[in-house]
Amino acid sequence: MAAKIVREGYYWPTIDRDTKVFAKACDNCQRFANVLQQALEMLTPISSPWLFAQWGETPYGLAFGSEAIIPVEIGMPTLRVENFDGQTNSEAFLLNLDLLEEKRSYSQLKLAEYQNRMARYYNTRERVRTFKPGDLNLKKVMQHVEALEPNWEGPYRVLKVVRPRAYLLSDLNGRQLPHPWNAEPLRVYYQ
């Protein structure tokens, strides 16, 4: 917008800042703005029911210390099946059983480290949206929006903070909306 004004021959020292303030307070710009995709709160890691899958460990391998052999390999032997030695296998199996707890705890530590790294990356982009009573905001249109209809409706005024990220809203005439709204479908309305 500032470039367009400069091309028309007008200029003043704060032109860039003034156009940003004007665009931020533009009613139509806010009503037709894109829907926010940012997360509202910090990531809480969830541990998988099959903990060691990301490292290629199977529950069978963790429990028995060897890979499972499918029935096709028994009928048509592979190099792995032909070179099988029972005595060596049982010794290796006992050794693996002794080291199993250490292997599990190492895998748990790696999983926790991975989840913390992912949470840290995710949480750097997370921005908390909070509103105070009296703030004006827009509410996302919940019905299907056609191509040229606005994505946001309002403005609405925050009456009360019900709990963190849950707000009781009213329209500008003072009529209260029927239930509290989560912060996710809300955004700040600038005047």
C-alpha atoms as a PDB file:
ATOM      1  CA  MET A   1       0.000   0.000   0.000  1.00  0.00           C
ATOM      2  CA  ALA A   2       2.873   2.368   0.840  1.00  0.00           C
ATOM      3  CA  ALA A   3       4.514   1.683  -2.531  1.00  0.00           C
ATOM      4  CA  LYS A   4       1.256   2.494  -4.321  1.00  0.00           C
ATOM      5  CA  ILE A   5       0.978   5.831  -2.474  1.00  0.00           C
ATOM      6  CA  VAL A   6       4.613   6.703  -3.265  1.00  0.00           C
ATOM      7  CA  ARG A   7       4.034   5.905  -6.965  1.00  0.00           C
ATOM      8  CA  GLU A   8       1.155   8.408  -6.930  1.00  0.00           C
ATOM      9  CA  GLY A   9       3.621  11.102  -5.848  1.00  0.00           C
ATOM     10  CA  TYR A  10       2.876  11.406  -2.116  1.00  0.00           C
ATOM     11  CA  TYR A  11       5.449  10.846   0.607  1.00  0.00           C
ATOM     12  CA  TRP A  12       5.903  11.503   4.320  1.00  0.00           C
ATOM     13  CA  PRO A  13       8.508  10.145   6.759  1.00  0.00           C
ATOM     14  CA  THR A  14       6.210   7.685   8.561  1.00  0.00           C
ATOM     15  CA  ILE A  15       4.404   6.394   5.466  1.00  0.00           C
ATOM     16  CA  ASP A  16       5.318   2.739   6.017  1.00  0.00           C
ATOM     17  CA  ARG A  17       4.248   2.675   9.679  1.00  0.00           C
ATOM     18  CA  ASP A  18       1.041   4.622   8.943  1.00  0.00           C
ATOM     19  CA  THR A  19      -0.017   2.219   6.185  1.00  0.00           C
ATOM     20  CA  LYS A  20       0.611  -0.785   8.464  1.00  0.00           C
ATOM     21  CA  VAL A  21      -1.544   0.775  11.202  1.00  0.00           C
ATOM     22  CA  PHE A  22      -4.274   1.594   8.673  1.00  0.00           C
ATOM     23  CA  ALA A  23      -4.239  -1.912   7.172  1.00  0.00           C
ATOM     24  CA  LYS A  24      -4.327  -3.488  10.629  1.00  0.00           C
ATOM     25  CA  ALA A  25      -7.438  -1.481  11.553  1.00  0.00           C
ATOM     26  CA  CYS A  26      -9.182  -2.007   8.188  1.00  0.00           C
ATOM     27  CA  ASP A  27     -12.515  -3.726   8.894  1.00  0.00           C
ATOM     28  CA  ASN A  28     -12.782  -5.614   5.587  1.00  0.00           C
ATOM     29  CA  CYS A  29      -9.133  -6.701   5.757  1.00  0.00           C
ATOM     30  CA  GLN A  30      -9.809  -8.287   9.149  1.00  0.00           C
ATOM     31  CA  ARG A  31     -13.114  -9.939   8.184  1.00  0.00           C
ATOM     32  CA  PHE A  32     -11.669 -11.580   5.063  1.00  0.00           C
ATOM     33  CA  ALA A  33      -8.282 -12.472   6.591  1.00  0.00           C
ATOM     34  CA  ASN A  34      -6.949 -16.004   6.530  1.00  0.00           C
ATOM     35  CA  VAL A  35      -7.804 -18.415   9.331  1.00  0.00           C
ATOM     36  CA  LEU A  36      -4.994 -18.655  11.893  1.00  0.00           C
ATOM     37  CA  GLN A  37      -3.125 -21.982  11.860  1.00  0.00           C
ATOM     38  CA  GLN A  38      -0.851 -21.435  14.851  1.00  0.00           C
ATOM     39  CA  ALA A  39      -1.131 -23.628  17.907  1.00  0.00           C
ATOM     40  CA  LEU A  40      -2.615 -22.159  21.057  1.00  0.00           C
ATOM     41  CA  GLU A  41      -0.710 -24.021  23.719  1.00  0.00           C
ATOM     42  CA  MET A  42       2.468 -25.918  24.412  1.00  0.00           C
ATOM     43  CA  LEU A  43       2.915 -29.389  22.956  1.00  0.00           C
ATOM     44  CA  THR A  44       2.393 -32.297  25.337  1.00  0.00           C
ATOM     45  CA  PRO A  45       4.304 -35.378  24.160  1.00  0.00           C
ATOM     46  CA  ILE A  46       2.342 -38.612  23.889  1.00  0.00           C
ATOM     47  CA  SER A  47       4.222 -41.864  24.174  1.00  0.00           C
ATOM     48  CA  SER A  48       3.408 -44.412  21.524  1.00  0.00           C
ATOM     49  CA  PRO A  49       1.944 -47.816  22.480  1.00  0.00           C
ATOM     50  CA  TRP A  50       4.758 -49.406  20.489  1.00  0.00           C
ATOM     51  CA  LEU A  51       7.640 -47.441  21.956  1.00  0.00           C
ATOM     52  CA  PHE A  52      10.638 -48.551  19.932  1.00  0.00           C
ATOM     53  CA  ALA A  53       9.187 -48.671  16.405  1.00  0.00           C
ATOM     54  CA  GLN A  54      10.998 -45.517  15.295  1.00  0.00           C
ATOM     55  CA  TRP A  55      14.365 -47.235  15.850  1.00  0.00           C
ATOM     56  CA  GLY A  56      13.354 -50.436  14.068  1.00  0.00           C
ATOM     57  CA  GLU A  57      12.910 -52.452  17.254  1.00  0.00           C
ATOM     58  CA  THR A  58       9.957 -54.832  17.313  1.00  0.00           C
ATOM     59  CA  PRO A  59       8.212 -56.145  20.420  1.00  0.00           C
ATOM     60  CA  TYR A  60       9.260 -59.668  19.397  1.00  0.00           C
ATOM     61  CA  GLY A  61      12.909 -58.668  19.085  1.00  0.00           C
ATOM     62  CA  LEU A  62      12.853 -56.842  22.420  1.00  0.00           C
ATOM     63  CA  ALA A  63      11.249 -59.798  24.201  1.00  0.00           C
ATOM     64  CA  PHE A  64      13.092 -62.716  22.607  1.00  0.00           C
ATOM     65  CA  GLY A  65      16.312 -61.134  21.390  1.00  0.00           C
ATOM     66  CA  SER A  66      16.046 -62.394  17.808  1.00  0.00           C
ATOM     67  CA  GLU A  67      14.097 -61.708  14.663  1.00  0.00           C
ATOM     68  CA  ALA A  68      10.948 -63.662  13.920  1.00  0.00           C
ATOM     69  CA  ILE A  69      11.185 -66.235  11.123  1.00  0.00           C
ATOM     70  CA  ILE A  70       8.232 -66.408   8.791  1.00  0.00           C
ATOM     71  CA  PRO A  71       6.964 -69.829   7.597  1.00  0.00           C
ATOM     72  CA  VAL A  72       8.176 -69.210   4.027  1.00  0.00           C
ATOM     73  CA  GLU A  73      11.781 -69.068   5.301  1.00  0.00           C
ATOM     74  CA  ILE A  74      11.378 -72.511   6.875  1.00  0.00           C
ATOM     75  CA  GLY A  75      10.175 -74.115   3.617  1.00  0.00           C
ATOM     76  CA  MET A  76      12.722 -72.316   1.428  1.00  0.00           C
ATOM     77  CA  PRO A  77      15.760 -71.690   3.634  1.00  0.00           C
ATOM     78  CA  THR A  78      17.608 -68.406   3.419  1.00  0.00           C
ATOM     79  CA  LEU A  79      21.240 -67.789   4.321  1.00  0.00           C
ATOM     80  CA  ARG A  80      20.172 -66.625   7.767  1.00  0.00           C
ATOM     81  CA  VAL A  81      18.258 -69.868   8.458  1.00  0.00           C
ATOM     82  CA  GLU A  82      20.992 -72.137   7.029  1.00  0.00           C
ATOM     83  CA  ASN A  83      23.737 -70.582   9.184  1.00  0.00           C
ATOM     84  CA  PHE A  84      21.714 -70.956  12.386  1.00  0.00           C
ATOM     85  CA  ASP A  85      23.635 -72.575  15.264  1.00  0.00           C
ATOM     86  CA  GLY A  86      21.513 -73.483  18.298  1.00  0.00           C
ATOM     87  CA  GLN A  87      24.339 -73.359  20.883  1.00  0.00           C
ATOM     88  CA  THR A  88      25.627 -69.974  19.738  1.00  0.00           C
ATOM     89  CA  ASN A  89      22.079 -68.661  19.565  1.00  0.00           C
ATOM     90  CA  SER A  90      21.252 -69.721  23.137  1.00  0.00           C
ATOM     91  CA  GLU A  91      24.448 -68.087  24.442  1.00  0.00           C
ATOM     92  CA  ALA A  92      23.676 -64.895  22.547  1.00  0.00           C
ATOM     93  CA  PHE A  93      20.090 -65.078  23.785  1.00  0.00           C
ATOM     94  CA  LEU A  94      21.195 -65.263  27.440  1.00  0.00           C
ATOM     95  CA  LEU A  95      23.614 -62.395  26.896  1.00  0.00           C
ATOM     96  CA  ASN A  96      20.842 -60.322  25.292  1.00  0.00           C
ATOM     97  CA  LEU A  97      18.528 -61.089  28.220  1.00  0.00           C
ATOM     98  CA  ASP A  98      21.186 -59.769  30.583  1.00  0.00           C
ATOM     99  CA  LEU A  99      21.541 -56.603  28.517  1.00  0.00           C
ATOM    100  CA  LEU A 100      17.822 -56.205  27.792  1.00  0.00           C
ATOM    101  CA  GLU A 101      17.015 -53.854  30.661  1.00  0.00           C
ATOM    102  CA  GLU A 102      19.922 -51.612  29.744  1.00  0.00           C
ATOM    103  CA  LYS A 103      18.798 -51.613  26.106  1.00  0.00           C
ATOM    104  CA  ARG A 104      15.234 -50.707  27.142  1.00  0.00           C
ATOM    105  CA  SER A 105      16.335 -47.873  29.403  1.00  0.00           C
ATOM    106  CA  TYR A 106      18.637 -46.528  26.671  1.00  0.00           C
ATOM    107  CA  SER A 107      15.741 -46.601  24.208  1.00  0.00           C
ATOM    108  CA  GLN A 108      13.490 -44.819  26.740  1.00  0.00           C
ATOM    109  CA  LEU A 109      16.120 -42.103  27.188  1.00  0.00           C
ATOM    110  CA  LYS A 110      16.434 -41.670  23.429  1.00  0.00           C
ATOM    111  CA  LEU A 111      12.642 -41.462  23.095  1.00  0.00           C
ATOM    112  CA  ALA A 112      12.409 -38.814  25.829  1.00  0.00           C
ATOM    113  CA  GLU A 113      15.250 -36.856  24.220  1.00  0.00           C
ATOM    114  CA  TYR A 114      13.537 -37.019  20.827  1.00  0.00           C
ATOM    115  CA  GLN A 115      10.182 -35.907  22.258  1.00  0.00           C
ATOM    116  CA  ASN A 116      11.790 -33.013  24.127  1.00  0.00           C
ATOM    117  CA  ARG A 117      13.575 -31.916  20.963  1.00  0.00           C
ATOM    118  CA  MET A 118      10.327 -32.028  18.977  1.00  0.00           C
ATOM    119  CA  ALA A 119       8.410 -30.186  21.727  1.00  0.00           C
ATOM    120  CA  ARG A 120      11.093 -27.497  21.890  1.00  0.00           C
ATOM    121  CA  TYR A 121      10.909 -26.980  18.105  1.00  0.00           C
ATOM    122  CA  TYR A 122       7.106 -26.880  18.156  1.00  0.00           C
ATOM    123  CA  ASN A 123       6.899 -24.560  21.159  1.00  0.00           C
ATOM    124  CA  THR A 124       9.208 -21.967  19.593  1.00  0.00           C
ATOM    125  CA  ARG A 125       6.508 -21.277  16.985  1.00  0.00           C
ATOM    126  CA  GLU A 126       3.613 -21.386  19.451  1.00  0.00           C
ATOM    127  CA  ARG A 127       2.018 -18.040  20.349  1.00  0.00           C
ATOM    128  CA  VAL A 128      -0.463 -17.785  23.182  1.00  0.00           C
ATOM    129  CA  ARG A 129      -3.562 -15.698  22.407  1.00  0.00           C
ATOM    130  CA  THR A 130      -5.146 -14.252  25.524  1.00  0.00           C
ATOM    131  CA  PHE A 131      -7.902 -11.671  25.828  1.00  0.00           C
ATOM    132  CA  LYS A 132      -8.918  -9.418  28.713  1.00  0.00           C
ATOM    133  CA  PRO A 133     -12.472  -8.310  29.553  1.00  0.00           C
ATOM    134  CA  GLY A 134     -13.406  -5.443  27.251  1.00  0.00           C
ATOM    135  CA  ASP A 135     -11.172  -6.564  24.354  1.00  0.00           C
ATOM    136  CA  LEU A 136     -12.716  -6.638  20.894  1.00  0.00           C
ATOM    137  CA  ASN A 137     -12.253  -9.735  18.774  1.00  0.00           C
ATOM    138  CA  LEU A 138     -13.550 -11.516  15.706  1.00  0.00           C
ATOM    139  CA  LYS A 139     -15.019 -15.022  15.755  1.00  0.00           C
ATOM    140  CA  LYS A 140     -14.354 -17.549  13.003  1.00  0.00           C
ATOM    141  CA  VAL A 141     -17.445 -18.359  10.926  1.00  0.00           C
ATOM    142  CA  MET A 142     -18.267 -21.961  11.857  1.00  0.00           C
ATOM    143  CA  GLN A 143     -20.579 -22.791   8.947  1.00  0.00           C
ATOM    144  CA  HIS A 144     -19.224 -23.571   5.504  1.00  0.00           C
ATOM    145  CA  VAL A 145     -17.887 -20.360   3.994  1.00  0.00           C
ATOM    146  CA  GLU A 146     -18.431 -19.721   0.288  1.00  0.00           C
ATOM    147  CA  ALA A 147     -15.661 -18.252  -1.850  1.00  0.00           C
ATOM    148  CA  LEU A 148     -16.447 -14.565  -1.407  1.00  0.00           C
ATOM    149  CA  GLU A 149     -17.933 -14.614   2.097  1.00  0.00           C
ATOM    150  CA  PRO A 150     -15.937 -13.368   5.096  1.00  0.00           C
ATOM    151  CA  ASN A 151     -14.048 -15.915   7.209  1.00  0.00           C
ATOM    152  CA  TRP A 152     -14.612 -13.917  10.405  1.00  0.00           C
ATOM    153  CA  GLU A 153     -17.700 -12.368  11.992  1.00  0.00           C
ATOM    154  CA  GLY A 154     -18.064  -9.763  14.678  1.00  0.00           C
ATOM    155  CA  PRO A 155     -16.631  -7.749  16.347  1.00  0.00           C
ATOM    156  CA  TYR A 156     -17.479  -9.164  19.772  1.00  0.00           C
ATOM    157  CA  ARG A 157     -16.507  -7.885  23.200  1.00  0.00           C
ATOM    158  CA  VAL A 158     -15.011 -10.158  25.875  1.00  0.00           C
ATOM    159  CA  LEU A 159     -17.304 -10.011  28.913  1.00  0.00           C
ATOM    160  CA  LYS A 160     -15.527 -12.408  31.205  1.00  0.00           C
ATOM    161  CA  VAL A 161     -12.631 -14.880  31.262  1.00  0.00           C
ATOM    162  CA  VAL A 162     -14.317 -18.162  32.226  1.00  0.00           C
ATOM    163  CA  ARG A 163     -11.001 -20.020  32.529  1.00  0.00           C
ATOM    164  CA  PRO A 164      -7.694 -19.849  30.654  1.00  0.00           C
ATOM    165  CA  ARG A 165      -8.396 -19.619  26.895  1.00  0.00           C
ATOM    166  CA  ALA A 166     -12.214 -19.694  27.403  1.00  0.00           C
ATOM    167  CA  TYR A 167     -14.193 -16.458  27.121  1.00  0.00           C
ATOM    168  CA  LEU A 168     -17.764 -15.253  27.466  1.00  0.00           C
ATOM    169  CA  LEU A 169     -18.571 -12.923  24.547  1.00  0.00           C
ATOM    170  CA  SER A 170     -21.220 -10.346  23.702  1.00  0.00           C
ATOM    171  CA  ASP A 171     -21.922  -8.408  20.536  1.00  0.00           C
ATOM    172  CA  LEU A 172     -21.484  -4.629  20.486  1.00  0.00           C
ATOM    173  CA  ASN A 173     -25.166  -4.152  21.436  1.00  0.00           C
ATOM    174  CA  GLY A 174     -24.508  -5.969  24.741  1.00  0.00           C
ATOM    175  CA  ARG A 175     -26.336  -9.202  23.841  1.00  0.00           C
ATOM    176  CA  GLN A 176     -24.409 -12.149  25.310  1.00  0.00           C
ATOM    177  CA  LEU A 177     -23.544 -15.184  23.160  1.00  0.00           C
ATOM    178  CA  PRO A 178     -25.103 -18.440  24.432  1.00  0.00           C
ATOM    179  CA  HIS A 179     -21.950 -20.265  25.580  1.00  0.00           C
ATOM    180  CA  PRO A 180     -18.279 -19.552  26.326  1.00  0.00           C
ATOM    181  CA  TRP A 181     -15.854 -19.618  23.395  1.00  0.00           C
ATOM    182  CA  ASN A 182     -12.416 -21.161  23.242  1.00  0.00           C
ATOM    183  CA  ALA A 183      -9.548 -18.898  22.108  1.00  0.00           C
ATOM    184  CA  GLU A 184      -8.906 -21.024  19.014  1.00  0.00           C
ATOM    185  CA  PRO A 185     -11.647 -19.536  16.777  1.00  0.00           C
ATOM    186  CA  LEU A 186     -11.030 -15.974  18.054  1.00  0.00           C
ATOM    187  CA  ARG A 187      -8.642 -13.283  16.890  1.00  0.00           C
ATOM    188  CA  VAL A 188      -7.953  -9.687  17.908  1.00  0.00           C
ATOM    189  CA  TYR A 189     -10.055  -6.983  16.238  1.00  0.00           C
ATOM    190  CA  TYR A 190      -8.224  -3.679  15.726  1.00  0.00           C
ATOM    191  CA  GLN A 191     -10.092  -0.367  15.494  1.00  0.00           C
END
